[in-house]
Amino acid sequence: MEQTKIDRINELAKKAKTVGLTPEEDAERAQLRQEYLAAVRQNLRAQLDNTFIVDEDGNKRPLRKQ
């Protein structure tokens, strides 16, 4: 996710705590949060896909979905 979008999420969060948000800003914040969560999930999935378990014999096997 782009740093500008993360900065905008932080701006909206700060404004929500102090002044409050307009309905348009609230919708923008919700949309940006969804994008952020999707990016986090994608990064975690990629990390888990590249994780291997090594058993006692030294055999490597990929981490499976549970």
PDB file of N, CA and C in Angstrom:
ATOM      1  N   MET A   1       0.852  -1.174   0.000  1.00  0.00           N
ATOM      2  CA  MET A   1       0.000   0.000   0.000  1.00  0.00           C
ATOM      3  C   MET A   1       0.897   1.235   0.000  1.00  0.00           C
ATOM      4  N   GLU A   2       0.468   2.247  -0.694  1.00  0.00           N
ATOM      5  CA  GLU A   2       1.257   3.474  -0.828  1.00  0.00           C
ATOM      6  C   GLU A   2       1.284   4.245   0.488  1.00  0.00           C
ATOM      7  N   GLN A   3       2.398   4.878   0.742  1.00  0.00           N
ATOM      8  CA  GLN A   3       2.560   5.644   1.973  1.00  0.00           C
ATOM      9  C   GLN A   3       1.577   6.808   2.037  1.00  0.00           C
ATOM     10  N   THR A   4       1.221   7.377   0.890  1.00  0.00           N
ATOM     11  CA  THR A   4       0.275   8.500   0.903  1.00  0.00           C
ATOM     12  C   THR A   4      -1.088   8.060   1.414  1.00  0.00           C
ATOM     13  N   LYS A   5      -1.503   6.835   1.072  1.00  0.00           N
ATOM     14  CA  LYS A   5      -2.784   6.331   1.558  1.00  0.00           C
ATOM     15  C   LYS A   5      -2.735   6.068   3.057  1.00  0.00           C
ATOM     16  N   ILE A   6      -1.616   5.542   3.533  1.00  0.00           N
ATOM     17  CA  ILE A   6      -1.460   5.305   4.970  1.00  0.00           C
ATOM     18  C   ILE A   6      -1.480   6.624   5.722  1.00  0.00           C
ATOM     19  N   ASP A   7      -0.819   7.631   5.162  1.00  0.00           N
ATOM     20  CA  ASP A   7      -0.835   8.961   5.788  1.00  0.00           C
ATOM     21  C   ASP A   7      -2.252   9.522   5.837  1.00  0.00           C
ATOM     22  N   ARG A   8      -3.021   9.292   4.776  1.00  0.00           N
ATOM     23  CA  ARG A   8      -4.406   9.789   4.737  1.00  0.00           C
ATOM     24  C   ARG A   8      -5.268   9.076   5.783  1.00  0.00           C
ATOM     25  N   ILE A   9      -5.058   7.780   5.965  1.00  0.00           N
ATOM     26  CA  ILE A   9      -5.772   7.041   7.015  1.00  0.00           C
ATOM     27  C   ILE A   9      -5.472   7.658   8.375  1.00  0.00           C
ATOM     28  N   ASN A  10      -4.214   7.967   8.615  1.00  0.00           N
ATOM     29  CA  ASN A  10      -3.806   8.556   9.896  1.00  0.00           C
ATOM     30  C   ASN A  10      -4.404   9.949  10.080  1.00  0.00           C
ATOM     31  N   GLU A  11      -4.446  10.735   9.013  1.00  0.00           N
ATOM     32  CA  GLU A  11      -5.058  12.068   9.089  1.00  0.00           C
ATOM     33  C   GLU A  11      -6.537  11.969   9.457  1.00  0.00           C
ATOM     34  N   LEU A  12      -7.235  11.053   8.792  1.00  0.00           N
ATOM     35  CA  LEU A  12      -8.660  10.892   9.060  1.00  0.00           C
ATOM     36  C   LEU A  12      -8.901  10.374  10.476  1.00  0.00           C
ATOM     37  N   ALA A  13      -8.041   9.493  10.967  1.00  0.00           N
ATOM     38  CA  ALA A  13      -8.186   8.984  12.327  1.00  0.00           C
ATOM     39  C   ALA A  13      -7.994  10.096  13.340  1.00  0.00           C
ATOM     40  N   LYS A  14      -7.000  10.934  13.100  1.00  0.00           N
ATOM     41  CA  LYS A  14      -6.746  12.050  14.014  1.00  0.00           C
ATOM     42  C   LYS A  14      -7.908  13.046  13.993  1.00  0.00           C
ATOM     43  N   LYS A  15      -8.424  13.317  12.804  1.00  0.00           N
ATOM     44  CA  LYS A  15      -9.537  14.251  12.679  1.00  0.00           C
ATOM     45  C   LYS A  15     -10.799  13.679  13.332  1.00  0.00           C
ATOM     46  N   ALA A  16     -11.001  12.372  13.217  1.00  0.00           N
ATOM     47  CA  ALA A  16     -12.179  11.739  13.825  1.00  0.00           C
ATOM     48  C   ALA A  16     -12.143  11.874  15.338  1.00  0.00           C
ATOM     49  N   LYS A  17     -10.950  11.830  15.915  1.00  0.00           N
ATOM     50  CA  LYS A  17     -10.823  11.946  17.371  1.00  0.00           C
ATOM     51  C   LYS A  17     -11.023  13.374  17.855  1.00  0.00           C
ATOM     52  N   THR A  18     -10.655  14.348  17.033  1.00  0.00           N
ATOM     53  CA  THR A  18     -10.714  15.736  17.483  1.00  0.00           C
ATOM     54  C   THR A  18     -12.005  16.431  17.059  1.00  0.00           C
ATOM     55  N   VAL A  19     -12.241  16.530  15.774  1.00  0.00           N
ATOM     56  CA  VAL A  19     -13.346  17.330  15.248  1.00  0.00           C
ATOM     57  C   VAL A  19     -14.541  16.473  14.849  1.00  0.00           C
ATOM     58  N   GLY A  20     -14.271  15.328  14.270  1.00  0.00           N
ATOM     59  CA  GLY A  20     -15.322  14.483  13.709  1.00  0.00           C
ATOM     60  C   GLY A  20     -15.212  14.482  12.200  1.00  0.00           C
ATOM     61  N   LEU A  21     -15.848  13.508  11.586  1.00  0.00           N
ATOM     62  CA  LEU A  21     -15.746  13.365  10.142  1.00  0.00           C
ATOM     63  C   LEU A  21     -17.085  13.613   9.473  1.00  0.00           C
ATOM     64  N   THR A  22     -17.003  14.107   8.244  1.00  0.00           N
ATOM     65  CA  THR A  22     -18.204  14.242   7.426  1.00  0.00           C
ATOM     66  C   THR A  22     -18.547  12.846   6.900  1.00  0.00           C
ATOM     67  N   PRO A  23     -19.753  12.644   6.411  1.00  0.00           N
ATOM     68  CA  PRO A  23     -20.098  11.325   5.859  1.00  0.00           C
ATOM     69  C   PRO A  23     -19.177  10.898   4.705  1.00  0.00           C
ATOM     70  N   GLU A  24     -18.740  11.856   3.894  1.00  0.00           N
ATOM     71  CA  GLU A  24     -17.836  11.528   2.791  1.00  0.00           C
ATOM     72  C   GLU A  24     -16.483  11.064   3.324  1.00  0.00           C
ATOM     73  N   GLU A  25     -15.986  11.752   4.343  1.00  0.00           N
ATOM     74  CA  GLU A  25     -14.697  11.368   4.927  1.00  0.00           C
ATOM     75  C   GLU A  25     -14.804  10.017   5.627  1.00  0.00           C
ATOM     76  N   ASP A  26     -15.935   9.770   6.247  1.00  0.00           N
ATOM     77  CA  ASP A  26     -16.148   8.487   6.908  1.00  0.00           C
ATOM     78  C   ASP A  26     -16.143   7.349   5.890  1.00  0.00           C
ATOM     79  N   ALA A  27     -16.775   7.566   4.751  1.00  0.00           N
ATOM     80  CA  ALA A  27     -16.787   6.561   3.684  1.00  0.00           C
ATOM     81  C   ALA A  27     -15.385   6.358   3.123  1.00  0.00           C
ATOM     82  N   GLU A  28     -14.640   7.446   2.962  1.00  0.00           N
ATOM     83  CA  GLU A  28     -13.263   7.359   2.465  1.00  0.00           C
ATOM     84  C   GLU A  28     -12.401   6.568   3.440  1.00  0.00           C
ATOM     85  N   ARG A  29     -12.579   6.840   4.727  1.00  0.00           N
ATOM     86  CA  ARG A  29     -11.802   6.138   5.746  1.00  0.00           C
ATOM     87  C   ARG A  29     -12.118   4.641   5.723  1.00  0.00           C
ATOM     88  N   ALA A  30     -13.381   4.289   5.578  1.00  0.00           N
ATOM     89  CA  ALA A  30     -13.764   2.881   5.531  1.00  0.00           C
ATOM     90  C   ALA A  30     -13.155   2.192   4.312  1.00  0.00           C
ATOM     91  N   GLN A  31     -13.174   2.872   3.181  1.00  0.00           N
ATOM     92  CA  GLN A  31     -12.611   2.305   1.952  1.00  0.00           C
ATOM     93  C   GLN A  31     -11.093   2.131   2.077  1.00  0.00           C
ATOM     94  N   LEU A  32     -10.417   3.129   2.639  1.00  0.00           N
ATOM     95  CA  LEU A  32      -8.965   3.041   2.822  1.00  0.00           C
ATOM     96  C   LEU A  32      -8.598   1.939   3.812  1.00  0.00           C
ATOM     97  N   ARG A  33      -9.402   1.790   4.855  1.00  0.00           N
ATOM     98  CA  ARG A  33      -9.149   0.714   5.822  1.00  0.00           C
ATOM     99  C   ARG A  33      -9.262  -0.649   5.157  1.00  0.00           C
ATOM    100  N   GLN A  34     -10.257  -0.828   4.293  1.00  0.00           N
ATOM    101  CA  GLN A  34     -10.422  -2.099   3.592  1.00  0.00           C
ATOM    102  C   GLN A  34      -9.226  -2.387   2.690  1.00  0.00           C
ATOM    103  N   GLU A  35      -8.737  -1.371   1.997  1.00  0.00           N
ATOM    104  CA  GLU A  35      -7.546  -1.542   1.160  1.00  0.00           C
ATOM    105  C   GLU A  35      -6.339  -1.928   2.011  1.00  0.00           C
ATOM    106  N   TYR A  36      -6.192  -1.264   3.158  1.00  0.00           N
ATOM    107  CA  TYR A  36      -5.068  -1.543   4.044  1.00  0.00           C
ATOM    108  C   TYR A  36      -5.128  -2.979   4.563  1.00  0.00           C
ATOM    109  N   LEU A  37      -6.307  -3.410   5.008  1.00  0.00           N
ATOM    110  CA  LEU A  37      -6.455  -4.770   5.512  1.00  0.00           C
ATOM    111  C   LEU A  37      -6.187  -5.805   4.423  1.00  0.00           C
ATOM    112  N   ALA A  38      -6.621  -5.528   3.214  1.00  0.00           N
ATOM    113  CA  ALA A  38      -6.362  -6.443   2.100  1.00  0.00           C
ATOM    114  C   ALA A  38      -4.865  -6.556   1.837  1.00  0.00           C
ATOM    115  N   ALA A  39      -4.156  -5.439   1.912  1.00  0.00           N
ATOM    116  CA  ALA A  39      -2.711  -5.453   1.695  1.00  0.00           C
ATOM    117  C   ALA A  39      -2.002  -6.232   2.805  1.00  0.00           C
ATOM    118  N   VAL A  40      -2.436  -6.049   4.045  1.00  0.00           N
ATOM    119  CA  VAL A  40      -1.832  -6.775   5.165  1.00  0.00           C
ATOM    120  C   VAL A  40      -2.066  -8.270   5.002  1.00  0.00           C
ATOM    121  N   ARG A  41      -3.284  -8.655   4.662  1.00  0.00           N
ATOM    122  CA  ARG A  41      -3.593 -10.074   4.466  1.00  0.00           C
ATOM    123  C   ARG A  41      -2.772 -10.670   3.327  1.00  0.00           C
ATOM    124  N   GLN A  42      -2.626  -9.913   2.246  1.00  0.00           N
ATOM    125  CA  GLN A  42      -1.854 -10.391   1.101  1.00  0.00           C
ATOM    126  C   GLN A  42      -0.387 -10.586   1.488  1.00  0.00           C
ATOM    127  N   ASN A  43       0.174  -9.647   2.227  1.00  0.00           N
ATOM    128  CA  ASN A  43       1.570  -9.768   2.654  1.00  0.00           C
ATOM    129  C   ASN A  43       1.766 -10.958   3.594  1.00  0.00           C
ATOM    130  N   LEU A  44       0.827 -11.158   4.518  1.00  0.00           N
ATOM    131  CA  LEU A  44       0.915 -12.284   5.436  1.00  0.00           C
ATOM    132  C   LEU A  44       0.812 -13.598   4.688  1.00  0.00           C
ATOM    133  N   ARG A  45      -0.120 -13.682   3.736  1.00  0.00           N
ATOM    134  CA  ARG A  45      -0.273 -14.904   2.949  1.00  0.00           C
ATOM    135  C   ARG A  45       1.012 -15.206   2.176  1.00  0.00           C
ATOM    136  N   ALA A  46       1.630 -14.181   1.585  1.00  0.00           N
ATOM    137  CA  ALA A  46       2.872 -14.380   0.841  1.00  0.00           C
ATOM    138  C   ALA A  46       3.979 -14.864   1.768  1.00  0.00           C
ATOM    139  N   GLN A  47       4.046 -14.327   2.973  1.00  0.00           N
ATOM    140  CA  GLN A  47       5.059 -14.748   3.932  1.00  0.00           C
ATOM    141  C   GLN A  47       4.831 -16.201   4.351  1.00  0.00           C
ATOM    142  N   LEU A  48       3.575 -16.556   4.614  1.00  0.00           N
ATOM    143  CA  LEU A  48       3.279 -17.929   5.011  1.00  0.00           C
ATOM    144  C   LEU A  48       3.500 -18.919   3.867  1.00  0.00           C
ATOM    145  N   ASP A  49       3.269 -18.490   2.636  1.00  0.00           N
ATOM    146  CA  ASP A  49       3.509 -19.353   1.483  1.00  0.00           C
ATOM    147  C   ASP A  49       4.995 -19.666   1.314  1.00  0.00           C
ATOM    148  N   ASN A  50       5.853 -18.798   1.824  1.00  0.00           N
ATOM    149  CA  ASN A  50       7.300 -19.006   1.722  1.00  0.00           C
ATOM    150  C   ASN A  50       7.899 -19.532   3.018  1.00  0.00           C
ATOM    151  N   THR A  51       7.060 -20.054   3.914  1.00  0.00           N
ATOM    152  CA  THR A  51       7.519 -20.611   5.173  1.00  0.00           C
ATOM    153  C   THR A  51       7.575 -22.124   5.057  1.00  0.00           C
ATOM    154  N   PHE A  52       8.677 -22.699   5.493  1.00  0.00           N
ATOM    155  CA  PHE A  52       8.861 -24.137   5.440  1.00  0.00           C
ATOM    156  C   PHE A  52       9.115 -24.676   6.837  1.00  0.00           C
ATOM    157  N   ILE A  53       8.672 -25.914   7.068  1.00  0.00           N
ATOM    158  CA  ILE A  53       8.898 -26.593   8.331  1.00  0.00           C
ATOM    159  C   ILE A  53       9.978 -27.642   8.093  1.00  0.00           C
ATOM    160  N   VAL A  54      10.959 -27.676   8.991  1.00  0.00           N
ATOM    161  CA  VAL A  54      12.040 -28.642   8.889  1.00  0.00           C
ATOM    162  C   VAL A  54      11.834 -29.675   9.997  1.00  0.00           C
ATOM    163  N   ASP A  55      11.742 -30.954   9.605  1.00  0.00           N
ATOM    164  CA  ASP A  55      11.551 -32.000  10.612  1.00  0.00           C
ATOM    165  C   ASP A  55      12.892 -32.455  11.176  1.00  0.00           C
ATOM    166  N   GLU A  56      12.861 -33.477  12.040  1.00  0.00           N
ATOM    167  CA  GLU A  56      14.079 -33.954  12.713  1.00  0.00           C
ATOM    168  C   GLU A  56      15.129 -34.478  11.749  1.00  0.00           C
ATOM    169  N   ASP A  57      14.673 -34.999  10.612  1.00  0.00           N
ATOM    170  CA  ASP A  57      15.597 -35.567   9.624  1.00  0.00           C
ATOM    171  C   ASP A  57      16.169 -34.519   8.682  1.00  0.00           C
ATOM    172  N   GLY A  58      15.736 -33.283   8.810  1.00  0.00           N
ATOM    173  CA  GLY A  58      16.227 -32.220   7.947  1.00  0.00           C
ATOM    174  C   GLY A  58      15.410 -32.024   6.690  1.00  0.00           C
ATOM    175  N   ASN A  59      14.287 -32.723   6.587  1.00  0.00           N
ATOM    176  CA  ASN A  59      13.420 -32.572   5.423  1.00  0.00           C
ATOM    177  C   ASN A  59      12.610 -31.291   5.550  1.00  0.00           C
ATOM    178  N   LYS A  60      12.564 -30.547   4.462  1.00  0.00           N
ATOM    179  CA  LYS A  60      11.778 -29.315   4.443  1.00  0.00           C
ATOM    180  C   LYS A  60      10.459 -29.577   3.733  1.00  0.00           C
ATOM    181  N   ARG A  61       9.381 -29.044   4.314  1.00  0.00           N
ATOM    182  CA  ARG A  61       8.092 -29.139   3.652  1.00  0.00           C
ATOM    183  C   ARG A  61       7.368 -27.801   3.835  1.00  0.00           C
ATOM    184  N   PRO A  62       6.581 -27.417   2.847  1.00  0.00           N
ATOM    185  CA  PRO A  62       5.890 -26.126   2.956  1.00  0.00           C
ATOM    186  C   PRO A  62       4.810 -26.174   4.036  1.00  0.00           C
ATOM    187  N   LEU A  63       4.530 -25.026   4.583  1.00  0.00           N
ATOM    188  CA  LEU A  63       3.468 -24.880   5.574  1.00  0.00           C
ATOM    189  C   LEU A  63       2.138 -25.045   4.866  1.00  0.00           C
ATOM    190  N   ARG A  64       1.254 -25.907   5.398  1.00  0.00           N
ATOM    191  CA  ARG A  64      -0.029 -26.165   4.767  1.00  0.00           C
ATOM    192  C   ARG A  64      -1.114 -25.309   5.379  1.00  0.00           C
ATOM    193  N   LYS A  65      -2.163 -25.066   4.596  1.00  0.00           N
ATOM    194  CA  LYS A  65      -3.348 -24.382   5.124  1.00  0.00           C
ATOM    195  C   LYS A  65      -4.058 -25.346   6.056  1.00  0.00           C
ATOM    196  N   GLN A  66      -4.571 -24.831   7.139  1.00  0.00           N
ATOM    197  CA  GLN A  66      -5.266 -25.679   8.106  1.00  0.00           C
ATOM    198  C   GLN A  66      -6.738 -25.605   7.927  1.00  0.00           C
TER     199      GLN A  66
END
